[in-house]
Amino acid sequence: MKQLFTVKGRLPGYNELRQHHMVAARVKRLAMETVGWAAKAQKIEPVTGPVTIKITCYEPNARRDPDNVTSGAAKCILDALQNIGVLKNDNRKHVKPILPPPKIDKEDPRVEIFIQDMEEDQ
């Protein structure tokens, strides 16, 4: 099974998730809600087996470090997908994340999430 969905705008970076614990918890919760609603609106189905998840971030500019962008987005996305029941678990046994460097799209910043069964990936 292959599924693709898009989250409009930017997700928090790793640095934003390392703020004071109360602030970081709120930032992460809001990001997870955004991801969850996008997945539900785009009718993403639950997966049963292990999957690869390619997360491609399109930033409005190159101000944030690539590792900051991708690691923060991955954390929010994987936790949100587990929270809404798309993923059984987000550990290594169930998910292999693929995080290409962020791309620039000034007109349409977004995050594209492509989910594919590991069996189909090979």
N, C-alpha and C. Protein backbone atom coordinates (compact mmCIF):
# COMPACT_ATOMS: atom_id res chain seq x y z
N MET A 1 0.84 -1.18 0.00
CA MET A 1 0.00 0.00 0.00
C MET A 1 0.89 1.24 0.00
N LYS A 2 0.52 2.21 -0.82
CA LYS A 2 1.23 3.48 -0.88
C LYS A 2 0.23 4.59 -0.58
N GLN A 3 0.64 5.53 0.28
CA GLN A 3 -0.22 6.64 0.63
C GLN A 3 0.62 7.92 0.70
N LEU A 4 0.05 9.01 0.24
CA LEU A 4 0.72 10.31 0.29
C LEU A 4 -0.25 11.33 0.87
N PHE A 5 0.25 12.14 1.79
CA PHE A 5 -0.55 13.27 2.24
C PHE A 5 0.36 14.46 2.50
N THR A 6 -0.26 15.63 2.55
CA THR A 6 0.48 16.88 2.66
C THR A 6 -0.02 17.68 3.86
N VAL A 7 0.93 18.25 4.57
CA VAL A 7 0.63 19.18 5.66
C VAL A 7 1.05 20.56 5.17
N LYS A 8 0.13 21.48 5.12
CA LYS A 8 0.43 22.84 4.65
C LYS A 8 1.21 23.61 5.71
N GLY A 9 2.17 24.40 5.27
CA GLY A 9 2.97 25.22 6.18
C GLY A 9 4.17 24.45 6.72
N ARG A 10 4.81 25.04 7.72
CA ARG A 10 6.00 24.43 8.34
C ARG A 10 5.62 23.74 9.64
N LEU A 11 6.40 22.74 9.99
CA LEU A 11 6.27 22.11 11.30
C LEU A 11 7.43 22.59 12.17
N PRO A 12 7.31 22.46 13.48
CA PRO A 12 8.40 22.94 14.34
C PRO A 12 9.68 22.17 14.10
N GLY A 13 10.78 22.86 14.25
CA GLY A 13 12.09 22.23 14.15
C GLY A 13 12.49 21.66 15.49
N TYR A 14 13.59 20.93 15.48
CA TYR A 14 14.11 20.30 16.69
C TYR A 14 14.34 21.33 17.79
N ASN A 15 14.90 22.49 17.44
CA ASN A 15 15.18 23.52 18.45
C ASN A 15 13.91 24.00 19.14
N GLU A 16 12.82 24.09 18.40
CA GLU A 16 11.55 24.52 19.00
C GLU A 16 11.00 23.47 19.96
N LEU A 17 11.36 22.21 19.74
CA LEU A 17 10.90 21.13 20.62
C LEU A 17 11.80 20.97 21.84
N ARG A 18 12.88 21.76 21.91
CA ARG A 18 13.81 21.70 23.04
C ARG A 18 13.69 22.92 23.95
N GLN A 19 12.66 23.70 23.79
CA GLN A 19 12.44 24.86 24.64
C GLN A 19 12.02 24.39 26.04
N HIS A 20 11.64 25.33 26.86
CA HIS A 20 11.10 25.00 28.18
C HIS A 20 10.02 23.95 27.98
N HIS A 21 9.96 22.95 28.86
CA HIS A 21 9.08 21.80 28.65
C HIS A 21 7.62 22.16 28.46
N MET A 22 7.14 23.20 29.10
CA MET A 22 5.74 23.60 28.94
C MET A 22 5.50 24.19 27.54
N VAL A 23 6.43 25.00 27.09
CA VAL A 23 6.32 25.60 25.77
C VAL A 23 6.46 24.53 24.69
N ALA A 24 7.46 23.68 24.83
CA ALA A 24 7.71 22.62 23.85
C ALA A 24 6.52 21.66 23.76
N ALA A 25 5.92 21.33 24.88
CA ALA A 25 4.77 20.43 24.88
C ALA A 25 3.61 21.03 24.09
N ARG A 26 3.40 22.32 24.25
CA ARG A 26 2.31 23.00 23.52
C ARG A 26 2.61 23.04 22.03
N VAL A 27 3.85 23.38 21.67
CA VAL A 27 4.25 23.44 20.27
C VAL A 27 4.08 22.07 19.62
N LYS A 28 4.53 21.03 20.29
CA LYS A 28 4.43 19.67 19.75
C LYS A 28 2.97 19.24 19.63
N ARG A 29 2.16 19.53 20.63
CA ARG A 29 0.75 19.15 20.59
C ARG A 29 0.03 19.80 19.42
N LEU A 30 0.28 21.09 19.20
CA LEU A 30 -0.34 21.79 18.07
C LEU A 30 0.11 21.21 16.73
N ALA A 31 1.40 20.90 16.61
CA ALA A 31 1.91 20.30 15.38
C ALA A 31 1.31 18.92 15.14
N MET A 32 1.20 18.12 16.20
CA MET A 32 0.61 16.80 16.07
C MET A 32 -0.87 16.88 15.68
N GLU A 33 -1.59 17.85 16.21
CA GLU A 33 -2.98 18.04 15.82
C GLU A 33 -3.08 18.41 14.35
N THR A 34 -2.19 19.27 13.88
CA THR A 34 -2.17 19.68 12.47
C THR A 34 -1.93 18.48 11.57
N VAL A 35 -0.94 17.66 11.93
CA VAL A 35 -0.63 16.46 11.14
C VAL A 35 -1.81 15.49 11.19
N GLY A 36 -2.36 15.28 12.36
CA GLY A 36 -3.48 14.35 12.50
C GLY A 36 -4.68 14.76 11.67
N TRP A 37 -5.03 16.04 11.71
CA TRP A 37 -6.17 16.51 10.91
C TRP A 37 -5.89 16.40 9.42
N ALA A 38 -4.66 16.68 9.00
CA ALA A 38 -4.31 16.55 7.58
C ALA A 38 -4.43 15.10 7.13
N ALA A 39 -3.93 14.17 7.95
CA ALA A 39 -4.00 12.74 7.60
C ALA A 39 -5.46 12.28 7.53
N LYS A 40 -6.28 12.71 8.47
CA LYS A 40 -7.69 12.31 8.46
C LYS A 40 -8.43 12.93 7.27
N ALA A 41 -8.18 14.20 7.01
CA ALA A 41 -8.85 14.88 5.89
C ALA A 41 -8.48 14.26 4.55
N GLN A 42 -7.26 13.76 4.45
CA GLN A 42 -6.80 13.17 3.20
C GLN A 42 -6.97 11.64 3.20
N LYS A 43 -7.73 11.15 4.17
CA LYS A 43 -8.15 9.76 4.26
C LYS A 43 -7.00 8.75 4.25
N ILE A 44 -6.00 9.00 5.11
CA ILE A 44 -4.89 8.08 5.26
C ILE A 44 -5.36 6.88 6.07
N GLU A 45 -5.15 5.68 5.52
CA GLU A 45 -5.59 4.44 6.14
C GLU A 45 -4.55 3.90 7.12
N PRO A 46 -5.00 3.21 8.17
CA PRO A 46 -4.05 2.57 9.08
C PRO A 46 -3.23 1.50 8.34
N VAL A 47 -1.99 1.33 8.75
CA VAL A 47 -1.13 0.31 8.16
C VAL A 47 -0.88 -0.77 9.19
N THR A 48 -0.69 -2.00 8.71
CA THR A 48 -0.52 -3.12 9.63
C THR A 48 0.93 -3.57 9.73
N GLY A 49 1.63 -3.58 8.62
CA GLY A 49 3.01 -4.07 8.63
C GLY A 49 4.01 -2.95 8.76
N PRO A 50 5.28 -3.30 8.74
CA PRO A 50 6.32 -2.27 8.77
C PRO A 50 6.29 -1.42 7.50
N VAL A 51 6.60 -0.14 7.67
CA VAL A 51 6.55 0.81 6.55
C VAL A 51 7.80 1.67 6.49
N THR A 52 8.04 2.21 5.30
CA THR A 52 8.99 3.31 5.18
C THR A 52 8.15 4.57 5.06
N ILE A 53 8.64 5.63 5.67
CA ILE A 53 7.95 6.92 5.61
C ILE A 53 8.95 7.95 5.15
N LYS A 54 8.70 8.49 3.97
CA LYS A 54 9.56 9.55 3.42
C LYS A 54 8.92 10.89 3.76
N ILE A 55 9.66 11.72 4.47
CA ILE A 55 9.16 13.03 4.90
C ILE A 55 9.97 14.10 4.17
N THR A 56 9.32 14.81 3.27
CA THR A 56 9.99 15.85 2.50
C THR A 56 9.43 17.21 2.93
N CYS A 57 10.30 18.04 3.48
CA CYS A 57 9.92 19.37 3.95
C CYS A 57 10.24 20.40 2.88
N TYR A 58 9.28 21.25 2.59
CA TYR A 58 9.46 22.38 1.67
C TYR A 58 9.37 23.65 2.51
N GLU A 59 10.50 24.29 2.71
CA GLU A 59 10.60 25.47 3.56
C GLU A 59 10.46 26.74 2.71
N PRO A 60 9.99 27.85 3.32
CA PRO A 60 9.88 29.11 2.56
C PRO A 60 11.24 29.76 2.30
N ASN A 61 12.26 29.34 3.07
CA ASN A 61 13.61 29.89 2.90
C ASN A 61 14.61 28.90 3.50
N ALA A 62 15.88 29.25 3.46
CA ALA A 62 16.93 28.34 3.95
C ALA A 62 17.48 28.76 5.32
N ARG A 63 16.69 29.43 6.11
CA ARG A 63 17.18 29.95 7.39
C ARG A 63 17.41 28.87 8.44
N ARG A 64 16.56 27.85 8.47
CA ARG A 64 16.73 26.80 9.48
C ARG A 64 17.69 25.72 8.98
N ASP A 65 18.47 25.17 9.90
CA ASP A 65 19.39 24.10 9.54
C ASP A 65 18.61 22.87 9.07
N PRO A 66 19.13 22.17 8.06
CA PRO A 66 18.42 21.00 7.52
C PRO A 66 18.10 19.94 8.59
N ASP A 67 19.06 19.64 9.46
CA ASP A 67 18.82 18.61 10.48
C ASP A 67 17.77 19.07 11.50
N ASN A 68 17.70 20.36 11.78
CA ASN A 68 16.70 20.92 12.68
C ASN A 68 15.31 20.75 12.08
N VAL A 69 15.19 21.05 10.80
CA VAL A 69 13.90 20.96 10.11
C VAL A 69 13.39 19.52 10.07
N THR A 70 14.22 18.61 9.58
CA THR A 70 13.76 17.24 9.36
C THR A 70 13.54 16.47 10.66
N SER A 71 14.40 16.67 11.64
CA SER A 71 14.24 15.90 12.88
C SER A 71 13.00 16.36 13.66
N GLY A 72 12.75 17.67 13.68
CA GLY A 72 11.55 18.16 14.37
C GLY A 72 10.28 17.70 13.67
N ALA A 73 10.27 17.79 12.34
CA ALA A 73 9.09 17.35 11.58
C ALA A 73 8.85 15.86 11.77
N ALA A 74 9.92 15.06 11.69
CA ALA A 74 9.78 13.61 11.83
C ALA A 74 9.19 13.24 13.19
N LYS A 75 9.66 13.87 14.26
CA LYS A 75 9.16 13.57 15.60
C LYS A 75 7.66 13.85 15.69
N CYS A 76 7.24 14.99 15.22
CA CYS A 76 5.82 15.35 15.29
C CYS A 76 4.96 14.44 14.41
N ILE A 77 5.45 14.14 13.21
CA ILE A 77 4.68 13.33 12.27
C ILE A 77 4.52 11.90 12.77
N LEU A 78 5.62 11.26 13.16
CA LEU A 78 5.54 9.87 13.60
C LEU A 78 4.69 9.73 14.87
N ASP A 79 4.85 10.65 15.81
CA ASP A 79 4.04 10.60 17.02
C ASP A 79 2.55 10.83 16.70
N ALA A 80 2.26 11.75 15.80
CA ALA A 80 0.86 12.02 15.43
C ALA A 80 0.24 10.81 14.73
N LEU A 81 0.98 10.19 13.82
CA LEU A 81 0.44 9.03 13.10
C LEU A 81 0.18 7.86 14.05
N GLN A 82 1.03 7.71 15.04
CA GLN A 82 0.78 6.67 16.04
C GLN A 82 -0.42 7.05 16.90
N ASN A 83 -0.51 8.30 17.27
CA ASN A 83 -1.60 8.79 18.12
C ASN A 83 -2.97 8.61 17.48
N ILE A 84 -3.09 8.80 16.16
CA ILE A 84 -4.40 8.66 15.50
C ILE A 84 -4.64 7.25 14.97
N GLY A 85 -3.69 6.34 15.20
CA GLY A 85 -3.91 4.95 14.83
C GLY A 85 -3.48 4.55 13.44
N VAL A 86 -2.81 5.43 12.70
CA VAL A 86 -2.30 5.06 11.38
C VAL A 86 -1.15 4.08 11.54
N LEU A 87 -0.27 4.34 12.51
CA LEU A 87 0.84 3.45 12.81
C LEU A 87 0.55 2.70 14.11
N LYS A 88 0.90 1.42 14.13
CA LYS A 88 0.77 0.64 15.36
C LYS A 88 1.79 1.13 16.39
N ASN A 89 2.99 1.44 15.90
CA ASN A 89 4.07 1.91 16.75
C ASN A 89 5.02 2.68 15.86
N ASP A 90 5.80 3.59 16.42
CA ASP A 90 6.76 4.33 15.60
C ASP A 90 8.20 3.92 15.90
N ASN A 91 8.37 2.70 16.42
CA ASN A 91 9.74 2.24 16.70
C ASN A 91 10.40 1.66 15.45
N ARG A 92 11.65 1.26 15.56
CA ARG A 92 12.43 0.77 14.41
C ARG A 92 11.85 -0.49 13.79
N LYS A 93 11.17 -1.27 14.58
CA LYS A 93 10.57 -2.50 14.06
C LYS A 93 9.43 -2.19 13.08
N HIS A 94 8.75 -1.09 13.28
CA HIS A 94 7.58 -0.75 12.48
C HIS A 94 7.80 0.34 11.44
N VAL A 95 8.79 1.20 11.65
CA VAL A 95 8.96 2.37 10.77
C VAL A 95 10.43 2.58 10.41
N LYS A 96 10.67 2.79 9.13
CA LYS A 96 11.98 3.21 8.66
C LYS A 96 11.78 4.60 8.05
N PRO A 97 12.20 5.65 8.77
CA PRO A 97 12.01 7.00 8.21
C PRO A 97 13.09 7.33 7.18
N ILE A 98 12.70 8.04 6.14
CA ILE A 98 13.62 8.56 5.13
C ILE A 98 13.46 10.07 5.16
N LEU A 99 14.56 10.76 5.45
CA LEU A 99 14.50 12.21 5.63
C LEU A 99 15.45 12.92 4.67
N PRO A 100 15.00 13.18 3.44
CA PRO A 100 15.86 13.93 2.51
C PRO A 100 16.02 15.37 3.00
N PRO A 101 17.06 16.06 2.55
CA PRO A 101 17.24 17.46 2.96
C PRO A 101 16.03 18.30 2.55
N PRO A 102 15.74 19.34 3.34
CA PRO A 102 14.61 20.21 2.99
C PRO A 102 14.83 20.89 1.64
N LYS A 103 13.72 21.18 0.99
CA LYS A 103 13.73 21.91 -0.29
C LYS A 103 13.11 23.29 -0.03
N ILE A 104 13.31 24.19 -0.96
CA ILE A 104 12.76 25.54 -0.83
C ILE A 104 11.57 25.71 -1.77
N ASP A 105 10.47 26.21 -1.23
CA ASP A 105 9.30 26.59 -2.03
C ASP A 105 8.69 27.80 -1.34
N LYS A 106 9.08 28.99 -1.77
CA LYS A 106 8.63 30.23 -1.14
C LYS A 106 7.12 30.41 -1.22
N GLU A 107 6.51 29.92 -2.30
CA GLU A 107 5.09 30.12 -2.53
C GLU A 107 4.20 29.14 -1.77
N ASP A 108 4.72 27.93 -1.52
CA ASP A 108 3.89 26.88 -0.94
C ASP A 108 4.68 26.01 0.05
N PRO A 109 5.07 26.57 1.23
CA PRO A 109 5.76 25.73 2.21
C PRO A 109 4.82 24.62 2.69
N ARG A 110 5.38 23.42 2.82
CA ARG A 110 4.57 22.27 3.18
C ARG A 110 5.46 21.10 3.57
N VAL A 111 4.84 20.05 4.03
CA VAL A 111 5.54 18.80 4.32
C VAL A 111 4.76 17.69 3.62
N GLU A 112 5.45 16.92 2.79
CA GLU A 112 4.83 15.79 2.11
C GLU A 112 5.27 14.51 2.79
N ILE A 113 4.30 13.67 3.12
CA ILE A 113 4.56 12.41 3.82
C ILE A 113 4.10 11.27 2.93
N PHE A 114 5.05 10.41 2.56
CA PHE A 114 4.77 9.27 1.70
C PHE A 114 4.98 8.00 2.52
N ILE A 115 3.92 7.22 2.67
CA ILE A 115 3.97 5.99 3.45
C ILE A 115 3.89 4.80 2.48
N GLN A 116 4.80 3.85 2.66
CA GLN A 116 4.83 2.68 1.77
C GLN A 116 5.21 1.44 2.58
N ASP A 117 4.51 0.34 2.30
CA ASP A 117 4.87 -0.94 2.94
C ASP A 117 6.30 -1.28 2.63
N MET A 118 7.04 -1.80 3.61
CA MET A 118 8.45 -2.14 3.39
C MET A 118 8.61 -3.21 2.33
N GLU A 119 7.65 -4.13 2.20
CA GLU A 119 7.75 -5.18 1.20
C GLU A 119 7.75 -4.59 -0.22
N GLU A 120 6.95 -3.54 -0.44
CA GLU A 120 6.88 -2.88 -1.74
C GLU A 120 8.11 -2.03 -2.01
N ASP A 121 8.77 -1.62 -0.94
CA ASP A 121 9.93 -0.71 -1.03
C ASP A 121 11.14 -1.38 -1.67
N GLN A 122 11.21 -2.67 -1.60
CA GLN A 122 12.42 -3.37 -2.04
C GLN A 122 12.41 -3.70 -3.50
